[in-house]
Amino acid sequence: MRRLGHVSVAQGIKKRIDEPGVKVELHLFSVASEFDKRAAAYAPVSYLKKPPYCILLYSKSSVPPIEEITKPKLEMSASVLGIRASEVLRRVCPNFSAI
């Protein structure tokens, strides 16, 4: 998880997010089960005169530890994945209109 700080956003995506007259939101999704935990971040982009679309900005999955762990702890660790992703993405692209 320490490698998360080395995420970079492709120039094309950043240009689209920073365009004037564009509304970009950051949506985060995280889930955990006994088999794995996952997190994803995507950005719905809305223009005034163009059709809206979505950009997948980040996704990560990992398997839980071998030892027995409770479901709430798994859910919490999946949430931490999403929060860390949002911190990096907001630092790289600070122009999100909502999170």
N, C-alpha and C. Protein backbone atom coordinates (compact mmCIF):
# COMPACT_ATOMS: atom_id res chain seq x y z
N MET A 1 0.80 -1.20 0.00
CA MET A 1 0.00 0.00 0.00
C MET A 1 0.85 1.27 0.00
N ARG A 2 2.08 1.18 0.37
CA ARG A 2 2.94 2.36 0.38
C ARG A 2 3.19 2.88 -1.03
N ARG A 3 3.03 2.05 -2.03
CA ARG A 3 3.28 2.46 -3.41
C ARG A 3 2.17 3.36 -3.93
N LEU A 4 1.09 3.51 -3.20
CA LEU A 4 -0.03 4.32 -3.63
C LEU A 4 0.38 5.77 -3.89
N GLY A 5 1.34 6.28 -3.16
CA GLY A 5 1.79 7.66 -3.34
C GLY A 5 2.46 7.91 -4.67
N HIS A 6 2.79 6.88 -5.42
CA HIS A 6 3.46 7.02 -6.70
C HIS A 6 2.49 6.98 -7.88
N VAL A 7 1.21 7.16 -7.62
CA VAL A 7 0.20 7.13 -8.68
C VAL A 7 0.31 8.41 -9.49
N SER A 8 0.22 8.29 -10.79
CA SER A 8 0.18 9.48 -11.64
C SER A 8 -1.03 9.38 -12.55
N VAL A 9 -1.59 10.53 -12.88
CA VAL A 9 -2.76 10.58 -13.74
C VAL A 9 -2.29 10.93 -15.14
N ALA A 10 -2.77 10.19 -16.12
CA ALA A 10 -2.39 10.45 -17.51
C ALA A 10 -2.76 11.88 -17.90
N GLN A 11 -1.95 12.50 -18.70
CA GLN A 11 -2.15 13.89 -19.06
C GLN A 11 -3.51 14.12 -19.71
N GLY A 12 -3.96 13.19 -20.52
CA GLY A 12 -5.25 13.35 -21.19
C GLY A 12 -6.41 13.44 -20.21
N ILE A 13 -6.37 12.65 -19.17
CA ILE A 13 -7.44 12.68 -18.17
C ILE A 13 -7.38 13.99 -17.39
N LYS A 14 -6.21 14.39 -16.96
CA LYS A 14 -6.07 15.62 -16.19
C LYS A 14 -6.51 16.83 -17.00
N LYS A 15 -6.21 16.85 -18.30
CA LYS A 15 -6.66 17.95 -19.15
C LYS A 15 -8.18 18.02 -19.18
N ARG A 16 -8.84 16.87 -19.31
CA ARG A 16 -10.30 16.86 -19.36
C ARG A 16 -10.90 17.32 -18.04
N ILE A 17 -10.29 16.93 -16.93
CA ILE A 17 -10.82 17.31 -15.62
C ILE A 17 -10.65 18.80 -15.38
N ASP A 18 -9.58 19.40 -15.87
CA ASP A 18 -9.28 20.81 -15.63
C ASP A 18 -9.92 21.76 -16.64
N GLU A 19 -10.65 21.26 -17.64
CA GLU A 19 -11.28 22.13 -18.63
C GLU A 19 -12.31 23.04 -17.96
N PRO A 20 -12.45 24.29 -18.46
CA PRO A 20 -13.48 25.16 -17.92
C PRO A 20 -14.87 24.68 -18.33
N GLY A 21 -15.85 24.88 -17.48
CA GLY A 21 -17.22 24.48 -17.78
C GLY A 21 -17.49 23.00 -17.61
N VAL A 22 -16.61 22.30 -16.91
CA VAL A 22 -16.76 20.86 -16.69
C VAL A 22 -17.02 20.62 -15.21
N LYS A 23 -17.99 19.76 -14.93
CA LYS A 23 -18.26 19.36 -13.55
C LYS A 23 -17.76 17.93 -13.38
N VAL A 24 -16.80 17.74 -12.49
CA VAL A 24 -16.20 16.43 -12.26
C VAL A 24 -16.34 16.08 -10.78
N GLU A 25 -16.91 14.93 -10.51
CA GLU A 25 -17.05 14.45 -9.14
C GLU A 25 -16.14 13.25 -8.94
N LEU A 26 -15.72 13.03 -7.72
CA LEU A 26 -14.91 11.85 -7.39
C LEU A 26 -15.80 10.89 -6.61
N HIS A 27 -16.00 9.70 -7.14
CA HIS A 27 -16.80 8.67 -6.48
C HIS A 27 -15.88 7.53 -6.06
N LEU A 28 -16.07 7.08 -4.83
CA LEU A 28 -15.26 5.99 -4.29
C LEU A 28 -16.16 4.81 -3.97
N PHE A 29 -15.65 3.62 -4.19
CA PHE A 29 -16.38 2.39 -3.90
C PHE A 29 -15.41 1.42 -3.25
N SER A 30 -15.79 0.84 -2.12
CA SER A 30 -14.95 -0.19 -1.50
C SER A 30 -15.85 -1.29 -0.94
N VAL A 31 -15.34 -2.51 -0.98
CA VAL A 31 -16.10 -3.67 -0.50
C VAL A 31 -15.11 -4.73 -0.04
N ALA A 32 -15.55 -5.53 0.91
CA ALA A 32 -14.69 -6.62 1.41
C ALA A 32 -15.53 -7.87 1.62
N SER A 33 -14.90 -9.01 1.45
CA SER A 33 -15.53 -10.30 1.74
C SER A 33 -14.46 -11.19 2.35
N GLU A 34 -14.81 -12.42 2.66
CA GLU A 34 -13.81 -13.33 3.22
C GLU A 34 -12.76 -13.71 2.18
N PHE A 35 -13.01 -13.42 0.91
CA PHE A 35 -12.09 -13.79 -0.16
C PHE A 35 -11.15 -12.67 -0.58
N ASP A 36 -11.62 -11.43 -0.57
CA ASP A 36 -10.79 -10.31 -1.00
C ASP A 36 -11.37 -9.00 -0.53
N LYS A 37 -10.60 -7.93 -0.74
CA LYS A 37 -11.10 -6.57 -0.51
C LYS A 37 -10.74 -5.75 -1.73
N ARG A 38 -11.64 -4.81 -2.09
CA ARG A 38 -11.47 -4.04 -3.32
C ARG A 38 -11.83 -2.59 -3.08
N ALA A 39 -11.21 -1.73 -3.85
CA ALA A 39 -11.55 -0.31 -3.84
C ALA A 39 -11.41 0.21 -5.26
N ALA A 40 -12.28 1.15 -5.61
CA ALA A 40 -12.23 1.78 -6.93
C ALA A 40 -12.60 3.25 -6.79
N ALA A 41 -12.02 4.06 -7.65
CA ALA A 41 -12.35 5.48 -7.71
C ALA A 41 -12.64 5.81 -9.17
N TYR A 42 -13.75 6.49 -9.38
CA TYR A 42 -14.09 6.90 -10.74
C TYR A 42 -14.66 8.30 -10.71
N ALA A 43 -14.64 8.95 -11.86
CA ALA A 43 -15.07 10.33 -11.96
C ALA A 43 -16.12 10.49 -13.05
N PRO A 44 -17.38 10.75 -12.67
CA PRO A 44 -18.37 11.15 -13.68
C PRO A 44 -18.07 12.58 -14.15
N VAL A 45 -18.00 12.77 -15.44
CA VAL A 45 -17.67 14.07 -16.02
C VAL A 45 -18.90 14.59 -16.75
N SER A 46 -19.33 15.81 -16.41
CA SER A 46 -20.51 16.42 -17.04
C SER A 46 -20.12 17.71 -17.74
N TYR A 47 -20.50 17.82 -19.00
CA TYR A 47 -20.30 19.03 -19.78
C TYR A 47 -21.64 19.72 -19.95
N LEU A 48 -21.60 21.00 -20.33
CA LEU A 48 -22.84 21.71 -20.60
C LEU A 48 -23.45 21.27 -21.93
N LYS A 49 -22.62 21.05 -22.96
CA LYS A 49 -23.14 20.77 -24.30
C LYS A 49 -22.73 19.42 -24.85
N LYS A 50 -22.06 18.59 -24.06
CA LYS A 50 -21.64 17.26 -24.51
C LYS A 50 -22.26 16.21 -23.60
N PRO A 51 -22.38 14.98 -24.09
CA PRO A 51 -22.91 13.93 -23.23
C PRO A 51 -21.94 13.59 -22.09
N PRO A 52 -22.46 13.25 -20.91
CA PRO A 52 -21.58 12.91 -19.79
C PRO A 52 -20.94 11.53 -19.98
N TYR A 53 -19.86 11.31 -19.29
CA TYR A 53 -19.19 10.00 -19.32
C TYR A 53 -18.46 9.80 -18.00
N CYS A 54 -17.92 8.60 -17.81
CA CYS A 54 -17.21 8.24 -16.59
C CYS A 54 -15.77 7.84 -16.90
N ILE A 55 -14.86 8.17 -16.00
CA ILE A 55 -13.46 7.78 -16.12
C ILE A 55 -13.09 6.95 -14.89
N LEU A 56 -12.56 5.76 -15.11
CA LEU A 56 -12.02 4.97 -14.00
C LEU A 56 -10.63 5.51 -13.69
N LEU A 57 -10.45 6.00 -12.47
CA LEU A 57 -9.17 6.61 -12.10
C LEU A 57 -8.26 5.66 -11.34
N TYR A 58 -8.85 4.72 -10.60
CA TYR A 58 -8.04 3.88 -9.72
C TYR A 58 -8.82 2.63 -9.36
N SER A 59 -8.13 1.52 -9.28
CA SER A 59 -8.74 0.30 -8.73
C SER A 59 -7.65 -0.54 -8.08
N LYS A 60 -8.02 -1.21 -7.03
CA LYS A 60 -7.06 -2.06 -6.31
C LYS A 60 -7.83 -3.17 -5.63
N SER A 61 -7.22 -4.34 -5.61
CA SER A 61 -7.79 -5.46 -4.86
C SER A 61 -6.65 -6.19 -4.17
N SER A 62 -6.98 -6.85 -3.08
CA SER A 62 -5.99 -7.64 -2.37
C SER A 62 -6.70 -8.74 -1.59
N VAL A 63 -5.97 -9.78 -1.30
CA VAL A 63 -6.53 -10.89 -0.53
C VAL A 63 -6.37 -10.59 0.95
N PRO A 64 -7.28 -11.09 1.77
CA PRO A 64 -7.16 -10.85 3.21
C PRO A 64 -6.02 -11.68 3.81
N PRO A 65 -5.62 -11.36 5.02
CA PRO A 65 -4.55 -12.13 5.65
C PRO A 65 -4.96 -13.58 5.89
N ILE A 66 -3.98 -14.44 6.07
CA ILE A 66 -4.25 -15.87 6.26
C ILE A 66 -5.00 -16.11 7.57
N GLU A 67 -4.61 -15.40 8.62
CA GLU A 67 -5.28 -15.61 9.91
C GLU A 67 -6.72 -15.09 9.85
N GLU A 68 -7.54 -15.64 10.71
CA GLU A 68 -8.96 -15.27 10.77
C GLU A 68 -9.09 -13.80 11.16
N ILE A 69 -9.92 -13.08 10.44
CA ILE A 69 -10.16 -11.66 10.73
C ILE A 69 -11.66 -11.41 10.63
N THR A 70 -12.18 -10.52 11.44
CA THR A 70 -13.62 -10.28 11.47
C THR A 70 -14.06 -9.48 10.24
N LYS A 71 -15.31 -9.63 9.91
CA LYS A 71 -15.88 -8.92 8.75
C LYS A 71 -15.77 -7.40 8.91
N PRO A 72 -16.09 -6.83 10.10
CA PRO A 72 -15.93 -5.38 10.24
C PRO A 72 -14.49 -4.89 10.00
N LYS A 73 -13.51 -5.66 10.43
CA LYS A 73 -12.11 -5.26 10.19
C LYS A 73 -11.78 -5.32 8.70
N LEU A 74 -12.32 -6.32 8.00
CA LEU A 74 -12.11 -6.39 6.55
C LEU A 74 -12.74 -5.19 5.85
N GLU A 75 -13.97 -4.85 6.25
CA GLU A 75 -14.65 -3.69 5.66
C GLU A 75 -13.88 -2.41 5.94
N MET A 76 -13.36 -2.29 7.16
CA MET A 76 -12.59 -1.10 7.51
C MET A 76 -11.32 -1.01 6.67
N SER A 77 -10.64 -2.12 6.46
CA SER A 77 -9.41 -2.07 5.66
C SER A 77 -9.72 -1.76 4.20
N ALA A 78 -10.88 -2.20 3.69
CA ALA A 78 -11.29 -1.83 2.33
C ALA A 78 -11.59 -0.34 2.26
N SER A 79 -12.20 0.21 3.31
CA SER A 79 -12.46 1.65 3.35
C SER A 79 -11.17 2.44 3.36
N VAL A 80 -10.18 1.95 4.08
CA VAL A 80 -8.87 2.62 4.12
C VAL A 80 -8.25 2.65 2.72
N LEU A 81 -8.41 1.56 1.96
CA LEU A 81 -7.92 1.56 0.57
C LEU A 81 -8.55 2.72 -0.21
N GLY A 82 -9.87 2.88 -0.08
CA GLY A 82 -10.57 3.95 -0.79
C GLY A 82 -10.15 5.33 -0.33
N ILE A 83 -9.98 5.51 0.98
CA ILE A 83 -9.59 6.81 1.51
C ILE A 83 -8.19 7.19 1.04
N ARG A 84 -7.28 6.25 1.06
CA ARG A 84 -5.91 6.55 0.58
C ARG A 84 -5.92 6.90 -0.91
N ALA A 85 -6.74 6.22 -1.66
CA ALA A 85 -6.85 6.55 -3.09
C ALA A 85 -7.38 7.97 -3.26
N SER A 86 -8.40 8.35 -2.48
CA SER A 86 -8.97 9.69 -2.61
C SER A 86 -7.95 10.76 -2.24
N GLU A 87 -7.13 10.51 -1.22
CA GLU A 87 -6.11 11.49 -0.83
C GLU A 87 -5.12 11.73 -1.97
N VAL A 88 -4.68 10.67 -2.60
CA VAL A 88 -3.73 10.81 -3.71
C VAL A 88 -4.39 11.51 -4.89
N LEU A 89 -5.61 11.10 -5.24
CA LEU A 89 -6.28 11.68 -6.40
C LEU A 89 -6.62 13.15 -6.19
N ARG A 90 -7.00 13.53 -4.97
CA ARG A 90 -7.29 14.94 -4.71
C ARG A 90 -6.03 15.79 -4.74
N ARG A 91 -4.90 15.19 -4.39
CA ARG A 91 -3.63 15.92 -4.46
C ARG A 91 -3.21 16.12 -5.92
N VAL A 92 -3.41 15.09 -6.75
CA VAL A 92 -3.03 15.16 -8.16
C VAL A 92 -4.00 16.02 -8.96
N CYS A 93 -5.29 15.87 -8.70
CA CYS A 93 -6.35 16.61 -9.42
C CYS A 93 -7.24 17.30 -8.40
N PRO A 94 -6.90 18.50 -7.95
CA PRO A 94 -7.67 19.15 -6.88
C PRO A 94 -8.99 19.78 -7.34
N ASN A 95 -9.37 19.67 -8.61
CA ASN A 95 -10.54 20.37 -9.13
C ASN A 95 -11.83 19.58 -9.10
N PHE A 96 -11.93 18.53 -8.30
CA PHE A 96 -13.19 17.79 -8.23
C PHE A 96 -14.24 18.68 -7.58
N SER A 97 -15.46 18.71 -8.17
CA SER A 97 -16.51 19.57 -7.63
C SER A 97 -17.18 18.95 -6.41
N ALA A 98 -17.15 17.64 -6.28
CA ALA A 98 -17.74 16.96 -5.12
C ALA A 98 -17.02 15.64 -4.91
N ILE A 99 -17.05 15.19 -3.68
CA ILE A 99 -16.42 13.90 -3.35
C ILE A 99 -17.43 13.07 -2.59
